[in-house]
Amino acid sequence: MSDLGKIFDALASAPRRQILAYLSEAELSTSDLAERFAMSAPAVSRHLSVLENAGLVMSERRGQFVFYRLNADSLVNSLTGYAFELCPVGRPLKRESRSIARKRAPSAAARRSPSSA
């Protein structure tokens, strides 16, 4: 399948588009995403695998968790971000994702701060 075919295949699924909306504002683990969907963590993982294979998301393992984020270098993500601003379904997901990011920001900053040691 061509790269463009992989992208269209990834975007053809409503849950994958919703995952991209969540990841547009925050880096999330599979567990974080599974809590927001009526599906198991393995099912979410399969969706994330399709998105990663299409180059739309990137992953990073930290201990026992794998965190996912949008691939900022992808032109499709730029277009998807624009569509989420217009999409009535994407807007509330982005708001929730921003809230998650704000709640995590202080603890992440504290871990990075040399004075917190």
PDB file of N, CA and C in Angstrom:
ATOM      1  N   MET A   1       0.849  -1.170   0.000  1.00  0.00           N
ATOM      2  CA  MET A   1       0.000   0.000   0.000  1.00  0.00           C
ATOM      3  C   MET A   1       0.901   1.242   0.000  1.00  0.00           C
ATOM      4  N   SER A   2       0.555   2.241  -0.772  1.00  0.00           N
ATOM      5  CA  SER A   2       1.343   3.471  -0.835  1.00  0.00           C
ATOM      6  C   SER A   2       1.207   4.255   0.459  1.00  0.00           C
ATOM      7  N   ASP A   3       2.119   5.221   0.671  1.00  0.00           N
ATOM      8  CA  ASP A   3       2.038   6.057   1.866  1.00  0.00           C
ATOM      9  C   ASP A   3       0.712   6.801   1.919  1.00  0.00           C
ATOM     10  N   LEU A   4       0.278   7.319   0.775  1.00  0.00           N
ATOM     11  CA  LEU A   4      -0.995   8.028   0.736  1.00  0.00           C
ATOM     12  C   LEU A   4      -2.152   7.082   1.039  1.00  0.00           C
ATOM     13  N   GLY A   5      -2.064   5.862   0.544  1.00  0.00           N
ATOM     14  CA  GLY A   5      -3.084   4.856   0.838  1.00  0.00           C
ATOM     15  C   GLY A   5      -3.145   4.550   2.324  1.00  0.00           C
ATOM     16  N   LYS A   6      -1.972   4.462   2.985  1.00  0.00           N
ATOM     17  CA  LYS A   6      -1.932   4.210   4.426  1.00  0.00           C
ATOM     18  C   LYS A   6      -2.581   5.362   5.193  1.00  0.00           C
ATOM     19  N   ILE A   7      -2.341   6.584   4.739  1.00  0.00           N
ATOM     20  CA  ILE A   7      -2.913   7.756   5.401  1.00  0.00           C
ATOM     21  C   ILE A   7      -4.433   7.743   5.262  1.00  0.00           C
ATOM     22  N   PHE A   8      -4.923   7.508   4.041  1.00  0.00           N
ATOM     23  CA  PHE A   8      -6.372   7.481   3.840  1.00  0.00           C
ATOM     24  C   PHE A   8      -7.006   6.330   4.603  1.00  0.00           C
ATOM     25  N   ASP A   9      -6.333   5.185   4.645  1.00  0.00           N
ATOM     26  CA  ASP A   9      -6.840   4.048   5.411  1.00  0.00           C
ATOM     27  C   ASP A   9      -6.925   4.411   6.894  1.00  0.00           C
ATOM     28  N   ALA A  10      -5.889   5.068   7.399  1.00  0.00           N
ATOM     29  CA  ALA A  10      -5.876   5.466   8.812  1.00  0.00           C
ATOM     30  C   ALA A  10      -6.986   6.464   9.116  1.00  0.00           C
ATOM     31  N   LEU A  11      -7.219   7.404   8.221  1.00  0.00           N
ATOM     32  CA  LEU A  11      -8.220   8.444   8.450  1.00  0.00           C
ATOM     33  C   LEU A  11      -9.646   7.966   8.175  1.00  0.00           C
ATOM     34  N   ALA A  12      -9.790   6.790   7.582  1.00  0.00           N
ATOM     35  CA  ALA A  12     -11.125   6.280   7.252  1.00  0.00           C
ATOM     36  C   ALA A  12     -11.900   5.821   8.486  1.00  0.00           C
ATOM     37  N   SER A  13     -11.213   5.651   9.591  1.00  0.00           N
ATOM     38  CA  SER A  13     -11.837   5.137  10.810  1.00  0.00           C
ATOM     39  C   SER A  13     -12.181   6.279  11.769  1.00  0.00           C
ATOM     40  N   ALA A  14     -13.431   6.326  12.201  1.00  0.00           N
ATOM     41  CA  ALA A  14     -13.863   7.369  13.153  1.00  0.00           C
ATOM     42  C   ALA A  14     -13.078   7.302  14.465  1.00  0.00           C
ATOM     43  N   PRO A  15     -12.859   6.120  15.055  1.00  0.00           N
ATOM     44  CA  PRO A  15     -12.058   6.098  16.289  1.00  0.00           C
ATOM     45  C   PRO A  15     -10.640   6.627  16.086  1.00  0.00           C
ATOM     46  N   ARG A  16     -10.040   6.339  14.942  1.00  0.00           N
ATOM     47  CA  ARG A  16      -8.685   6.850  14.696  1.00  0.00           C
ATOM     48  C   ARG A  16      -8.693   8.368  14.539  1.00  0.00           C
ATOM     49  N   ARG A  17      -9.717   8.905  13.907  1.00  0.00           N
ATOM     50  CA  ARG A  17      -9.814  10.373  13.809  1.00  0.00           C
ATOM     51  C   ARG A  17     -10.007  10.978  15.192  1.00  0.00           C
ATOM     52  N   GLN A  18     -10.769  10.314  16.042  1.00  0.00           N
ATOM     53  CA  GLN A  18     -10.959  10.801  17.409  1.00  0.00           C
ATOM     54  C   GLN A  18      -9.656  10.718  18.211  1.00  0.00           C
ATOM     55  N   ILE A  19      -8.898   9.658  18.013  1.00  0.00           N
ATOM     56  CA  ILE A  19      -7.589   9.534  18.667  1.00  0.00           C
ATOM     57  C   ILE A  19      -6.695  10.694  18.240  1.00  0.00           C
ATOM     58  N   LEU A  20      -6.682  10.999  16.948  1.00  0.00           N
ATOM     59  CA  LEU A  20      -5.875  12.127  16.470  1.00  0.00           C
ATOM     60  C   LEU A  20      -6.320  13.437  17.113  1.00  0.00           C
ATOM     61  N   ALA A  21      -7.618  13.604  17.320  1.00  0.00           N
ATOM     62  CA  ALA A  21      -8.115  14.821  17.978  1.00  0.00           C
ATOM     63  C   ALA A  21      -7.579  14.899  19.401  1.00  0.00           C
ATOM     64  N   TYR A  22      -7.600  13.793  20.131  1.00  0.00           N
ATOM     65  CA  TYR A  22      -7.052  13.791  21.486  1.00  0.00           C
ATOM     66  C   TYR A  22      -5.559  14.111  21.474  1.00  0.00           C
ATOM     67  N   LEU A  23      -4.838  13.523  20.533  1.00  0.00           N
ATOM     68  CA  LEU A  23      -3.393  13.718  20.482  1.00  0.00           C
ATOM     69  C   LEU A  23      -2.994  15.088  19.938  1.00  0.00           C
ATOM     70  N   SER A  24      -3.950  15.830  19.421  1.00  0.00           N
ATOM     71  CA  SER A  24      -3.616  17.146  18.857  1.00  0.00           C
ATOM     72  C   SER A  24      -3.201  18.146  19.932  1.00  0.00           C
ATOM     73  N   GLU A  25      -3.562  17.895  21.177  1.00  0.00           N
ATOM     74  CA  GLU A  25      -3.242  18.843  22.250  1.00  0.00           C
ATOM     75  C   GLU A  25      -2.410  18.238  23.376  1.00  0.00           C
ATOM     76  N   ALA A  26      -2.306  16.923  23.433  1.00  0.00           N
ATOM     77  CA  ALA A  26      -1.573  16.292  24.532  1.00  0.00           C
ATOM     78  C   ALA A  26      -0.977  14.966  24.081  1.00  0.00           C
ATOM     79  N   GLU A  27       0.127  14.626  24.711  1.00  0.00           N
ATOM     80  CA  GLU A  27       0.746  13.322  24.525  1.00  0.00           C
ATOM     81  C   GLU A  27       0.044  12.379  25.498  1.00  0.00           C
ATOM     82  N   LEU A  28      -0.452  11.247  24.999  1.00  0.00           N
ATOM     83  CA  LEU A  28      -1.241  10.341  25.829  1.00  0.00           C
ATOM     84  C   LEU A  28      -0.755   8.902  25.687  1.00  0.00           C
ATOM     85  N   SER A  29      -0.980   8.128  26.733  1.00  0.00           N
ATOM     86  CA  SER A  29      -0.653   6.705  26.689  1.00  0.00           C
ATOM     87  C   SER A  29      -1.854   5.930  26.148  1.00  0.00           C
ATOM     88  N   THR A  30      -1.620   4.677  25.839  1.00  0.00           N
ATOM     89  CA  THR A  30      -2.702   3.800  25.399  1.00  0.00           C
ATOM     90  C   THR A  30      -3.783   3.733  26.472  1.00  0.00           C
ATOM     91  N   SER A  31      -3.378   3.656  27.733  1.00  0.00           N
ATOM     92  CA  SER A  31      -4.344   3.602  28.839  1.00  0.00           C
ATOM     93  C   SER A  31      -5.179   4.871  28.905  1.00  0.00           C
ATOM     94  N   ASP A  32      -4.528   6.041  28.731  1.00  0.00           N
ATOM     95  CA  ASP A  32      -5.253   7.314  28.724  1.00  0.00           C
ATOM     96  C   ASP A  32      -6.337   7.295  27.650  1.00  0.00           C
ATOM     97  N   LEU A  33      -5.977   6.820  26.472  1.00  0.00           N
ATOM     98  CA  LEU A  33      -6.926   6.798  25.359  1.00  0.00           C
ATOM     99  C   LEU A  33      -8.019   5.754  25.572  1.00  0.00           C
ATOM    100  N   ALA A  34      -7.657   4.598  26.098  1.00  0.00           N
ATOM    101  CA  ALA A  34      -8.648   3.534  26.308  1.00  0.00           C
ATOM    102  C   ALA A  34      -9.731   3.977  27.294  1.00  0.00           C
ATOM    103  N   GLU A  35      -9.367   4.820  28.256  1.00  0.00           N
ATOM    104  CA  GLU A  35     -10.350   5.324  29.220  1.00  0.00           C
ATOM    105  C   GLU A  35     -11.429   6.166  28.535  1.00  0.00           C
ATOM    106  N   ARG A  36     -11.116   6.734  27.393  1.00  0.00           N
ATOM    107  CA  ARG A  36     -12.033   7.651  26.718  1.00  0.00           C
ATOM    108  C   ARG A  36     -12.871   6.970  25.639  1.00  0.00           C
ATOM    109  N   PHE A  37     -12.619   5.704  25.389  1.00  0.00           N
ATOM    110  CA  PHE A  37     -13.331   4.974  24.357  1.00  0.00           C
ATOM    111  C   PHE A  37     -13.983   3.732  24.952  1.00  0.00           C
ATOM    112  N   ALA A  38     -15.023   3.272  24.325  1.00  0.00           N
ATOM    113  CA  ALA A  38     -15.675   2.026  24.745  1.00  0.00           C
ATOM    114  C   ALA A  38     -14.992   0.853  24.050  1.00  0.00           C
ATOM    115  N   MET A  39     -13.673   0.764  24.266  1.00  0.00           N
ATOM    116  CA  MET A  39     -12.911  -0.341  23.685  1.00  0.00           C
ATOM    117  C   MET A  39     -11.735  -0.666  24.591  1.00  0.00           C
ATOM    118  N   SER A  40     -11.208  -1.835  24.420  1.00  0.00           N
ATOM    119  CA  SER A  40     -10.092  -2.294  25.252  1.00  0.00           C
ATOM    120  C   SER A  40      -8.790  -1.597  24.858  1.00  0.00           C
ATOM    121  N   ALA A  41      -7.821  -1.654  25.762  1.00  0.00           N
ATOM    122  CA  ALA A  41      -6.498  -1.098  25.469  1.00  0.00           C
ATOM    123  C   ALA A  41      -5.862  -1.788  24.246  1.00  0.00           C
ATOM    124  N   PRO A  42      -5.992  -3.127  24.091  1.00  0.00           N
ATOM    125  CA  PRO A  42      -5.437  -3.749  22.883  1.00  0.00           C
ATOM    126  C   PRO A  42      -6.087  -3.224  21.589  1.00  0.00           C
ATOM    127  N   ALA A  43      -7.384  -2.944  21.636  1.00  0.00           N
ATOM    128  CA  ALA A  43      -8.052  -2.401  20.438  1.00  0.00           C
ATOM    129  C   ALA A  43      -7.527  -1.002  20.135  1.00  0.00           C
ATOM    130  N   VAL A  44      -7.349  -0.196  21.168  1.00  0.00           N
ATOM    131  CA  VAL A  44      -6.778   1.144  20.976  1.00  0.00           C
ATOM    132  C   VAL A  44      -5.361   1.016  20.421  1.00  0.00           C
ATOM    133  N   SER A  45      -4.607   0.051  20.941  1.00  0.00           N
ATOM    134  CA  SER A  45      -3.234  -0.176  20.455  1.00  0.00           C
ATOM    135  C   SER A  45      -3.209  -0.499  18.966  1.00  0.00           C
ATOM    136  N   ARG A  46      -4.178  -1.292  18.514  1.00  0.00           N
ATOM    137  CA  ARG A  46      -4.231  -1.618  17.080  1.00  0.00           C
ATOM    138  C   ARG A  46      -4.503  -0.362  16.259  1.00  0.00           C
ATOM    139  N   HIS A  47      -5.402   0.505  16.735  1.00  0.00           N
ATOM    140  CA  HIS A  47      -5.660   1.761  16.032  1.00  0.00           C
ATOM    141  C   HIS A  47      -4.395   2.632  16.013  1.00  0.00           C
ATOM    142  N   LEU A  48      -3.704   2.692  17.144  1.00  0.00           N
ATOM    143  CA  LEU A  48      -2.477   3.483  17.218  1.00  0.00           C
ATOM    144  C   LEU A  48      -1.402   2.929  16.284  1.00  0.00           C
ATOM    145  N   SER A  49      -1.352   1.626  16.144  1.00  0.00           N
ATOM    146  CA  SER A  49      -0.392   1.000  15.235  1.00  0.00           C
ATOM    147  C   SER A  49      -0.657   1.426  13.787  1.00  0.00           C
ATOM    148  N   VAL A  50      -1.923   1.458  13.392  1.00  0.00           N
ATOM    149  CA  VAL A  50      -2.283   1.905  12.033  1.00  0.00           C
ATOM    150  C   VAL A  50      -1.879   3.369  11.847  1.00  0.00           C
ATOM    151  N   LEU A  51      -2.148   4.195  12.856  1.00  0.00           N
ATOM    152  CA  LEU A  51      -1.797   5.619  12.765  1.00  0.00           C
ATOM    153  C   LEU A  51      -0.281   5.813  12.701  1.00  0.00           C
ATOM    154  N   GLU A  52       0.445   5.015  13.478  1.00  0.00           N
ATOM    155  CA  GLU A  52       1.902   5.122  13.466  1.00  0.00           C
ATOM    156  C   GLU A  52       2.477   4.625  12.143  1.00  0.00           C
ATOM    157  N   ASN A  53       1.924   3.541  11.616  1.00  0.00           N
ATOM    158  CA  ASN A  53       2.364   3.001  10.332  1.00  0.00           C
ATOM    159  C   ASN A  53       2.131   3.998   9.193  1.00  0.00           C
ATOM    160  N   ALA A  54       1.091   4.816   9.321  1.00  0.00           N
ATOM    161  CA  ALA A  54       0.797   5.837   8.309  1.00  0.00           C
ATOM    162  C   ALA A  54       1.638   7.100   8.510  1.00  0.00           C
ATOM    163  N   GLY A  55       2.409   7.139   9.592  1.00  0.00           N
ATOM    164  CA  GLY A  55       3.252   8.298   9.854  1.00  0.00           C
ATOM    165  C   GLY A  55       2.523   9.463  10.503  1.00  0.00           C
ATOM    166  N   LEU A  56       1.329   9.209  11.034  1.00  0.00           N
ATOM    167  CA  LEU A  56       0.545  10.288  11.631  1.00  0.00           C
ATOM    168  C   LEU A  56       0.852  10.506  13.102  1.00  0.00           C
ATOM    169  N   VAL A  57       1.326   9.467  13.793  1.00  0.00           N
ATOM    170  CA  VAL A  57       1.697   9.593  15.199  1.00  0.00           C
ATOM    171  C   VAL A  57       3.062   8.957  15.427  1.00  0.00           C
ATOM    172  N   MET A  58       3.681   9.351  16.526  1.00  0.00           N
ATOM    173  CA  MET A  58       4.966   8.778  16.944  1.00  0.00           C
ATOM    174  C   MET A  58       4.799   8.283  18.374  1.00  0.00           C
ATOM    175  N   SER A  59       5.582   7.285  18.743  1.00  0.00           N
ATOM    176  CA  SER A  59       5.490   6.736  20.085  1.00  0.00           C
ATOM    177  C   SER A  59       6.842   6.797  20.771  1.00  0.00           C
ATOM    178  N   GLU A  60       6.773   6.787  22.114  1.00  0.00           N
ATOM    179  CA  GLU A  60       7.983   6.768  22.928  1.00  0.00           C
ATOM    180  C   GLU A  60       7.687   5.961  24.183  1.00  0.00           C
ATOM    181  N   ARG A  61       8.505   4.951  24.431  1.00  0.00           N
ATOM    182  CA  ARG A  61       8.329   4.112  25.624  1.00  0.00           C
ATOM    183  C   ARG A  61       9.011   4.803  26.798  1.00  0.00           C
ATOM    184  N   ARG A  62       8.259   4.891  27.904  1.00  0.00           N
ATOM    185  CA  ARG A  62       8.785   5.424  29.165  1.00  0.00           C
ATOM    186  C   ARG A  62       8.372   4.451  30.260  1.00  0.00           C
ATOM    187  N   GLY A  63       9.317   3.651  30.675  1.00  0.00           N
ATOM    188  CA  GLY A  63       9.010   2.615  31.660  1.00  0.00           C
ATOM    189  C   GLY A  63       8.055   1.610  31.072  1.00  0.00           C
ATOM    190  N   GLN A  64       6.955   1.365  31.773  1.00  0.00           N
ATOM    191  CA  GLN A  64       5.994   0.375  31.283  1.00  0.00           C
ATOM    192  C   GLN A  64       4.949   0.976  30.350  1.00  0.00           C
ATOM    193  N   PHE A  65       5.006   2.288  30.132  1.00  0.00           N
ATOM    194  CA  PHE A  65       3.998   2.959  29.309  1.00  0.00           C
ATOM    195  C   PHE A  65       4.581   3.395  27.977  1.00  0.00           C
ATOM    196  N   VAL A  66       3.727   3.420  26.959  1.00  0.00           N
ATOM    197  CA  VAL A  66       4.083   3.963  25.656  1.00  0.00           C
ATOM    198  C   VAL A  66       3.215   5.198  25.466  1.00  0.00           C
ATOM    199  N   PHE A  67       3.869   6.331  25.211  1.00  0.00           N
ATOM    200  CA  PHE A  67       3.156   7.585  25.004  1.00  0.00           C
ATOM    201  C   PHE A  67       3.148   7.907  23.514  1.00  0.00           C
ATOM    202  N   TYR A  68       2.030   8.420  23.057  1.00  0.00           N
ATOM    203  CA  TYR A  68       1.840   8.758  21.647  1.00  0.00           C
ATOM    204  C   TYR A  68       1.624  10.248  21.508  1.00  0.00           C
ATOM    205  N   ARG A  69       2.115  10.784  20.385  1.00  0.00           N
ATOM    206  CA  ARG A  69       1.917  12.190  20.054  1.00  0.00           C
ATOM    207  C   ARG A  69       1.798  12.302  18.541  1.00  0.00           C
ATOM    208  N   LEU A  70       1.196  13.393  18.103  1.00  0.00           N
ATOM    209  CA  LEU A  70       1.097  13.618  16.664  1.00  0.00           C
ATOM    210  C   LEU A  70       2.479  13.781  16.067  1.00  0.00           C
ATOM    211  N   ASN A  71       2.641  13.369  14.843  1.00  0.00           N
ATOM    212  CA  ASN A  71       3.868  13.609  14.096  1.00  0.00           C
ATOM    213  C   ASN A  71       3.762  15.022  13.528  1.00  0.00           C
ATOM    214  N   ALA A  72       4.401  15.972  14.184  1.00  0.00           N
ATOM    215  CA  ALA A  72       4.271  17.383  13.817  1.00  0.00           C
ATOM    216  C   ALA A  72       4.800  17.663  12.411  1.00  0.00           C
ATOM    217  N   ASP A  73       5.640  16.799  11.894  1.00  0.00           N
ATOM    218  CA  ASP A  73       6.210  17.018  10.562  1.00  0.00           C
ATOM    219  C   ASP A  73       5.269  16.606   9.440  1.00  0.00           C
ATOM    220  N   SER A  74       4.165  16.006   9.777  1.00  0.00           N
ATOM    221  CA  SER A  74       3.254  15.498   8.761  1.00  0.00           C
ATOM    222  C   SER A  74       2.304  16.585   8.272  1.00  0.00           C
ATOM    223  N   LEU A  75       2.288  16.798   6.990  1.00  0.00           N
ATOM    224  CA  LEU A  75       1.375  17.776   6.388  1.00  0.00           C
ATOM    225  C   LEU A  75      -0.075  17.400   6.669  1.00  0.00           C
ATOM    226  N   VAL A  76      -0.344  16.124   6.671  1.00  0.00           N
ATOM    227  CA  VAL A  76      -1.707  15.670   6.934  1.00  0.00           C
ATOM    228  C   VAL A  76      -2.158  16.136   8.317  1.00  0.00           C
ATOM    229  N   ASN A  77      -1.252  16.118   9.284  1.00  0.00           N
ATOM    230  CA  ASN A  77      -1.620  16.568  10.621  1.00  0.00           C
ATOM    231  C   ASN A  77      -1.962  18.049  10.633  1.00  0.00           C
ATOM    232  N   SER A  78      -1.287  18.832   9.811  1.00  0.00           N
ATOM    233  CA  SER A  78      -1.636  20.248   9.713  1.00  0.00           C
ATOM    234  C   SER A  78      -3.061  20.397   9.193  1.00  0.00           C
ATOM    235  N   LEU A  79      -3.370  19.649   8.154  1.00  0.00           N
ATOM    236  CA  LEU A  79      -4.718  19.700   7.594  1.00  0.00           C
ATOM    237  C   LEU A  79      -5.749  19.132   8.562  1.00  0.00           C
ATOM    238  N   THR A  80      -5.374  18.074   9.279  1.00  0.00           N
ATOM    239  CA  THR A  80      -6.275  17.470  10.249  1.00  0.00           C
ATOM    240  C   THR A  80      -6.553  18.451  11.388  1.00  0.00           C
ATOM    241  N   GLY A  81      -5.511  19.148  11.848  1.00  0.00           N
ATOM    242  CA  GLY A  81      -5.697  20.138  12.901  1.00  0.00           C
ATOM    243  C   GLY A  81      -6.669  21.222  12.486  1.00  0.00           C
ATOM    244  N   TYR A  82      -6.555  21.650  11.244  1.00  0.00           N
ATOM    245  CA  TYR A  82      -7.485  22.647  10.719  1.00  0.00           C
ATOM    246  C   TYR A  82      -8.903  22.083  10.697  1.00  0.00           C
ATOM    247  N   ALA A  83      -9.056  20.858  10.258  1.00  0.00           N
ATOM    248  CA  ALA A  83     -10.384  20.232  10.195  1.00  0.00           C
ATOM    249  C   ALA A  83     -10.980  20.079  11.592  1.00  0.00           C
ATOM    250  N   PHE A  84     -10.148  19.764  12.600  1.00  0.00           N
ATOM    251  CA  PHE A  84     -10.661  19.613  13.964  1.00  0.00           C
ATOM    252  C   PHE A  84     -11.207  20.927  14.504  1.00  0.00           C
ATOM    253  N   GLU A  85     -10.651  22.044  14.053  1.00  0.00           N
ATOM    254  CA  GLU A  85     -11.159  23.341  14.495  1.00  0.00           C
ATOM    255  C   GLU A  85     -12.579  23.570  13.969  1.00  0.00           C
ATOM    256  N   LEU A  86     -12.865  23.027  12.804  1.00  0.00           N
ATOM    257  CA  LEU A  86     -14.177  23.207  12.186  1.00  0.00           C
ATOM    258  C   LEU A  86     -15.167  22.112  12.549  1.00  0.00           C
ATOM    259  N   CYS A  87     -14.655  20.977  12.938  1.00  0.00           N
ATOM    260  CA  CYS A  87     -15.476  19.789  13.176  1.00  0.00           C
ATOM    261  C   CYS A  87     -16.177  19.870  14.529  1.00  0.00           C
ATOM    262  N   PRO A  88     -17.497  19.720  14.558  1.00  0.00           N
ATOM    263  CA  PRO A  88     -18.213  19.784  15.840  1.00  0.00           C
ATOM    264  C   PRO A  88     -17.848  18.635  16.781  1.00  0.00           C
ATOM    265  N   VAL A  89     -17.401  17.508  16.262  1.00  0.00           N
ATOM    266  CA  VAL A  89     -17.007  16.382  17.116  1.00  0.00           C
ATOM    267  C   VAL A  89     -15.606  16.612  17.681  1.00  0.00           C
ATOM    268  N   GLY A  90     -14.711  17.172  16.875  1.00  0.00           N
ATOM    269  CA  GLY A  90     -13.325  17.351  17.292  1.00  0.00           C
ATOM    270  C   GLY A  90     -13.122  18.430  18.334  1.00  0.00           C
ATOM    271  N   ARG A  91     -13.919  19.491  18.285  1.00  0.00           N
ATOM    272  CA  ARG A  91     -13.744  20.624  19.199  1.00  0.00           C
ATOM    273  C   ARG A  91     -13.798  20.215  20.676  1.00  0.00           C
ATOM    274  N   PRO A  92     -14.834  19.474  21.128  1.00  0.00           N
ATOM    275  CA  PRO A  92     -14.859  19.090  22.547  1.00  0.00           C
ATOM    276  C   PRO A  92     -13.716  18.150  22.927  1.00  0.00           C
ATOM    277  N   LEU A  93     -13.297  17.296  21.998  1.00  0.00           N
ATOM    278  CA  LEU A  93     -12.180  16.395  22.284  1.00  0.00           C
ATOM    279  C   LEU A  93     -10.897  17.191  22.476  1.00  0.00           C
ATOM    280  N   LYS A  94     -10.701  18.232  21.658  1.00  0.00           N
ATOM    281  CA  LYS A  94      -9.524  19.090  21.798  1.00  0.00           C
ATOM    282  C   LYS A  94      -9.550  19.815  23.139  1.00  0.00           C
ATOM    283  N   ARG A  95     -10.726  20.294  23.560  1.00  0.00           N
ATOM    284  CA  ARG A  95     -10.836  20.979  24.853  1.00  0.00           C
ATOM    285  C   ARG A  95     -10.440  20.033  25.985  1.00  0.00           C
ATOM    286  N   GLU A  96     -10.949  18.806  25.936  1.00  0.00           N
ATOM    287  CA  GLU A  96     -10.625  17.832  26.978  1.00  0.00           C
ATOM    288  C   GLU A  96      -9.136  17.518  26.973  1.00  0.00           C
ATOM    289  N   SER A  97      -8.559  17.398  25.787  1.00  0.00           N
ATOM    290  CA  SER A  97      -7.144  17.104  25.655  1.00  0.00           C
ATOM    291  C   SER A  97      -6.293  18.242  26.227  1.00  0.00           C
ATOM    292  N   ARG A  98      -6.685  19.508  25.971  1.00  0.00           N
ATOM    293  CA  ARG A  98      -5.980  20.659  26.542  1.00  0.00           C
ATOM    294  C   ARG A  98      -6.027  20.617  28.064  1.00  0.00           C
ATOM    295  N   SER A  99      -7.175  20.235  28.611  1.00  0.00           N
ATOM    296  CA  SER A  99      -7.338  20.143  30.054  1.00  0.00           C
ATOM    297  C   SER A  99      -6.390  19.092  30.634  1.00  0.00           C
ATOM    298  N   ILE A 100      -6.274  17.966  29.967  1.00  0.00           N
ATOM    299  CA  ILE A 100      -5.350  16.913  30.401  1.00  0.00           C
ATOM    300  C   ILE A 100      -3.920  17.447  30.397  1.00  0.00           C
ATOM    301  N   ALA A 101      -3.557  18.145  29.332  1.00  0.00           N
ATOM    302  CA  ALA A 101      -2.195  18.673  29.207  1.00  0.00           C
ATOM    303  C   ALA A 101      -1.907  19.684  30.315  1.00  0.00           C
ATOM    304  N   ARG A 102      -2.873  20.553  30.622  1.00  0.00           N
ATOM    305  CA  ARG A 102      -2.674  21.554  31.686  1.00  0.00           C
ATOM    306  C   ARG A 102      -2.495  20.885  33.040  1.00  0.00           C
ATOM    307  N   LYS A 103      -3.268  19.840  33.309  1.00  0.00           N
ATOM    308  CA  LYS A 103      -3.159  19.147  34.591  1.00  0.00           C
ATOM    309  C   LYS A 103      -1.795  18.477  34.744  1.00  0.00           C
ATOM    310  N   ARG A 104      -1.240  18.008  33.645  1.00  0.00           N
ATOM    311  CA  ARG A 104       0.045  17.302  33.697  1.00  0.00           C
ATOM    312  C   ARG A 104       1.226  18.257  33.683  1.00  0.00           C
ATOM    313  N   ALA A 105       1.063  19.452  33.171  1.00  0.00           N
ATOM    314  CA  ALA A 105       2.177  20.385  32.994  1.00  0.00           C
ATOM    315  C   ALA A 105       2.936  20.665  34.285  1.00  0.00           C
ATOM    316  N   PRO A 106       2.288  20.970  35.414  1.00  0.00           N
ATOM    317  CA  PRO A 106       3.054  21.259  36.631  1.00  0.00           C
ATOM    318  C   PRO A 106       3.900  20.080  37.096  1.00  0.00           C
ATOM    319  N   SER A 107       3.367  18.862  37.045  1.00  0.00           N
ATOM    320  CA  SER A 107       4.139  17.708  37.494  1.00  0.00           C
ATOM    321  C   SER A 107       5.296  17.417  36.547  1.00  0.00           C
ATOM    322  N   ALA A 108       5.099  17.627  35.260  1.00  0.00           N
ATOM    323  CA  ALA A 108       6.190  17.410  34.294  1.00  0.00           C
ATOM    324  C   ALA A 108       7.279  18.444  34.498  1.00  0.00           C
ATOM    325  N   ALA A 109       6.901  19.698  34.763  1.00  0.00           N
ATOM    326  CA  ALA A 109       7.885  20.754  34.985  1.00  0.00           C
ATOM    327  C   ALA A 109       8.666  20.485  36.261  1.00  0.00           C
ATOM    328  N   ALA A 110       8.014  19.975  37.281  1.00  0.00           N
ATOM    329  CA  ALA A 110       8.689  19.672  38.546  1.00  0.00           C
ATOM    330  C   ALA A 110       9.721  18.570  38.369  1.00  0.00           C
ATOM    331  N   ARG A 111       9.408  17.560  37.542  1.00  0.00           N
ATOM    332  CA  ARG A 111      10.367  16.471  37.313  1.00  0.00           C
ATOM    333  C   ARG A 111      11.605  16.959  36.581  1.00  0.00           C
ATOM    334  N   ARG A 112      11.446  17.950  35.705  1.00  0.00           N
ATOM    335  CA  ARG A 112      12.574  18.455  34.930  1.00  0.00           C
ATOM    336  C   ARG A 112      13.401  19.463  35.704  1.00  0.00           C
ATOM    337  N   SER A 113      12.829  20.097  36.714  1.00  0.00           N
ATOM    338  CA  SER A 113      13.491  21.163  37.445  1.00  0.00           C
ATOM    339  C   SER A 113      14.608  20.602  38.322  1.00  0.00           C
ATOM    340  N   PRO A 114      15.863  21.117  38.172  1.00  0.00           N
ATOM    341  CA  PRO A 114      16.963  20.608  39.002  1.00  0.00           C
ATOM    342  C   PRO A 114      16.767  20.990  40.474  1.00  0.00           C
ATOM    343  N   SER A 115      16.015  22.039  40.775  1.00  0.00           N
ATOM    344  CA  SER A 115      15.813  22.454  42.159  1.00  0.00           C
ATOM    345  C   SER A 115      14.840  21.558  42.900  1.00  0.00           C
ATOM    346  N   SER A 116      14.099  20.704  42.173  1.00  0.00           N
ATOM    347  CA  SER A 116      13.147  19.815  42.816  1.00  0.00           C
ATOM    348  C   SER A 116      13.793  18.564  43.376  1.00  0.00           C
ATOM    349  N   ALA A 117      15.079  18.385  43.125  1.00  0.00           N
ATOM    350  CA  ALA A 117      15.771  17.177  43.597  1.00  0.00           C
ATOM    351  C   ALA A 117      16.210  17.295  45.026  1.00  0.00           C
TER     352      ALA A 117
END
